[in-house]
Protein backbone atom coordinates (compact mmCIF):
# COMPACT_ATOMS: atom_id res chain seq x y z
CA MET A 1 -9.22 -5.69 22.94
CA GLU A 2 -8.01 -9.05 24.22
CA PHE A 3 -7.05 -10.03 20.64
CA VAL A 4 -4.76 -7.06 19.98
CA GLN A 5 -1.70 -7.97 22.04
CA PRO A 6 -1.48 -11.63 20.88
CA ALA A 7 -2.15 -10.55 17.29
CA LEU A 8 0.58 -7.90 17.51
CA ALA A 9 3.08 -10.52 18.68
CA GLY A 10 2.08 -12.96 15.93
CA GLY A 11 2.09 -10.16 13.34
CA MET A 12 5.53 -8.95 14.38
CA PHE A 13 6.82 -12.51 14.08
CA LEU A 14 5.34 -13.22 10.66
CA GLY A 15 5.96 -9.75 9.23
CA LEU A 16 9.60 -9.64 10.25
CA LEU A 17 10.52 -13.16 9.21
CA SER A 18 8.53 -12.96 5.97
CA SER A 19 10.28 -9.80 4.81
CA LEU A 20 13.92 -10.50 5.69
CA PRO A 21 16.00 -11.75 2.77
CA PHE A 22 17.00 -15.43 2.93
CA VAL A 23 14.90 -15.97 6.09
CA ASN A 24 11.73 -15.40 4.07
CA VAL A 25 12.45 -18.63 2.19
CA GLY A 26 10.68 -20.34 5.11
CA ASN A 27 7.41 -19.25 3.50
CA CYS A 28 8.20 -21.59 0.62
CA LEU A 29 7.50 -24.41 3.07
CA CYS A 30 3.69 -24.06 2.96
CA GLY A 31 3.82 -20.51 4.32
CA MET A 32 5.66 -21.52 7.49
CA TRP A 33 6.17 -18.02 8.95
CA MET A 34 2.63 -16.92 8.17
CA LEU A 35 1.06 -20.04 9.68
CA ALA A 36 3.31 -19.71 12.72
CA GLY A 37 2.33 -16.05 13.17
CA GLY A 38 -1.35 -16.99 13.36
CA GLY A 39 -0.49 -19.89 15.66
CA ILE A 40 1.49 -17.65 18.00
CA ALA A 41 -1.43 -15.23 18.22
CA VAL A 42 -3.83 -18.05 19.16
CA PHE A 43 -1.39 -19.61 21.60
CA LEU A 44 -0.91 -16.29 23.41
CA LEU A 45 -4.67 -15.71 23.37
CA SER A 46 -5.20 -19.12 25.00
CA LYS A 47 -2.79 -18.13 27.78
CA GLN A 48 -4.89 -15.00 28.48
CA ARG A 49 -8.20 -16.85 28.66
CA ALA A 50 -9.45 -19.29 31.23
CA SER A 51 -12.11 -20.60 28.87
CA ARG A 52 -11.65 -22.72 25.78
CA ILE A 53 -10.89 -20.96 22.49
CA ARG A 54 -13.34 -21.45 19.61
CA TYR A 55 -12.43 -21.73 15.94
CA GLY A 56 -13.88 -18.29 15.20
CA ASP A 57 -11.58 -16.78 17.83
CA GLY A 58 -8.63 -18.51 16.20
CA ALA A 59 -9.61 -17.29 12.76
CA PHE A 60 -10.05 -13.72 13.99
CA ALA A 61 -6.74 -13.71 15.89
CA GLY A 62 -5.02 -15.10 12.77
CA VAL A 63 -6.51 -12.51 10.43
CA LEU A 64 -5.63 -9.73 12.84
CA SER A 65 -2.04 -10.99 13.11
CA GLY A 66 -1.91 -11.10 9.29
CA LEU A 67 -3.00 -7.46 9.21
CA PHE A 68 -0.31 -6.43 11.67
CA GLY A 69 2.18 -8.63 9.83
CA ALA A 70 1.45 -6.84 6.53
CA VAL A 71 2.14 -3.47 8.17
CA VAL A 72 5.38 -4.73 9.75
CA GLY A 73 6.46 -6.56 6.59
CA THR A 74 5.89 -3.52 4.41
CA ALA A 75 7.76 -1.27 6.85
CA VAL A 76 10.71 -3.69 6.96
CA SER A 77 10.73 -4.14 3.18
CA ILE A 78 11.51 -0.45 2.60
CA PRO A 79 14.99 -0.43 4.23
CA VAL A 80 15.64 -3.90 2.77
CA ARG A 81 14.96 -2.48 -0.71
CA ILE A 82 17.27 0.46 -0.03
CA ILE A 83 20.06 -1.82 1.15
CA SER A 84 19.62 -4.32 -1.67
CA GLU A 85 19.33 -1.66 -4.37
CA ARG A 86 22.94 -2.09 -5.46
CA ILE A 87 22.58 -5.86 -5.74
CA LEU A 88 19.21 -5.82 -7.50
CA GLY A 89 20.18 -2.88 -9.69
CA ASN A 90 22.76 -5.05 -11.42
CA GLN A 91 20.22 -7.84 -11.91
CA GLN A 92 17.47 -5.60 -13.27
CA GLU A 93 18.54 -6.09 -16.88
CA ALA A 94 18.43 -9.89 -16.51
CA ILE A 95 14.96 -9.68 -14.93
CA GLU A 96 13.71 -7.50 -17.78
CA GLN A 97 15.11 -9.91 -20.37
CA PHE A 98 13.46 -12.86 -18.61
CA MET A 99 10.11 -11.04 -18.62
CA ARG A 100 10.44 -10.32 -22.34
CA ASP A 101 11.09 -14.01 -23.04
CA VAL A 102 7.95 -15.24 -21.28
CA PRO A 103 5.23 -15.66 -23.93
CA GLY A 104 1.92 -13.91 -23.26
CA PHE A 105 3.39 -11.85 -20.43
CA GLU A 106 3.25 -8.33 -21.80
CA GLY A 107 1.57 -5.01 -21.40
CA ALA A 108 0.53 -3.42 -18.13
CA LEU A 109 0.88 -6.62 -16.09
CA ARG A 110 4.50 -7.09 -17.18
CA ASP A 111 5.23 -3.43 -16.43
CA LEU A 112 3.74 -3.77 -12.94
CA PHE A 113 5.82 -6.88 -12.18
CA LEU A 114 8.97 -5.21 -13.50
CA ARG A 115 8.28 -2.20 -11.32
CA VAL A 116 7.69 -4.33 -8.22
CA ALA A 117 10.81 -6.43 -8.92
CA SER A 118 12.91 -3.30 -9.33
CA PRO A 119 14.74 -1.83 -6.35
CA GLU A 120 12.88 1.47 -6.70
CA ILE A 121 10.72 2.68 -3.85
CA SER A 122 7.51 4.38 -4.91
CA ILE A 123 3.92 4.61 -3.79
CA THR A 124 3.05 1.91 -6.36
CA THR A 125 5.58 -0.61 -5.09
CA ILE A 126 4.78 0.05 -1.44
CA ALA A 127 1.02 -0.19 -2.04
CA PHE A 128 1.42 -3.37 -4.10
CA THR A 129 3.63 -4.91 -1.41
CA PHE A 130 1.21 -3.95 1.36
CA PHE A 131 -2.02 -5.13 -0.28
CA THR A 132 -0.50 -8.36 -1.56
CA SER A 133 0.96 -9.06 1.86
CA LEU A 134 -2.32 -8.16 3.55
CA ILE A 135 -4.31 -10.72 1.57
CA VAL A 136 -1.74 -13.52 1.72
CA TYR A 137 -0.67 -13.01 5.34
CA ALA A 138 -4.25 -12.73 6.61
CA LEU A 139 -5.31 -15.88 4.78
CA PHE A 140 -2.39 -18.04 5.89
CA ALA A 141 -2.33 -16.65 9.44
CA MET A 142 -6.06 -17.39 9.72
CA ILE A 143 -5.39 -20.99 8.69
CA GLY A 144 -2.54 -21.15 11.22
CA GLY A 145 -4.84 -19.80 13.92
CA ILE A 146 -7.55 -22.37 13.16
CA LEU A 147 -5.01 -25.23 13.12
CA THR A 148 -3.61 -24.06 16.45
CA VAL A 149 -7.10 -24.01 17.98
CA ALA A 150 -7.60 -27.60 16.81
CA ILE A 151 -4.27 -28.66 18.33
CA LEU A 152 -4.90 -26.86 21.63
CA ASN A 153 -8.44 -28.20 21.96
CA LYS A 154 -7.30 -31.74 21.22
CA ARG A 155 -4.50 -31.44 23.77
CA ASN A 156 -6.85 -30.05 26.46
CA ALA A 157 -9.48 -32.72 25.78
CA GLY A 158 -7.02 -35.63 25.98
């Protein structure tokens, strides 16, 4: 239970910043928002505890913040898709042409990517967004949590 509140804060941070247009470009810098979300969860966890935090605690807090971040990110992506539908709707033809020009990229995989890149909102696009975010956010937030434990332990030891 002590992990939930810090993980919620880290997940809100990473989910919101990773799903907002233009701001989400920060994830191009080695997954900055995702790593920071896991780090925030561990930092807040360290403030709750009197004892030293272990690497397993950092990994768990990071994964949990990635889970919450995937839920938040998916929820935020729905209104963002609705708002950006007019902009992306005009670009859909260019995206489809680009996909046709890529050699070896055809069939069901191409159709799935076209559907996800489209501004439509369906169960398929929401599920794809959620599960992809869940895996990526949990992995990177776990790494961020472990790195934060290493930094905090080094700081407390020195």
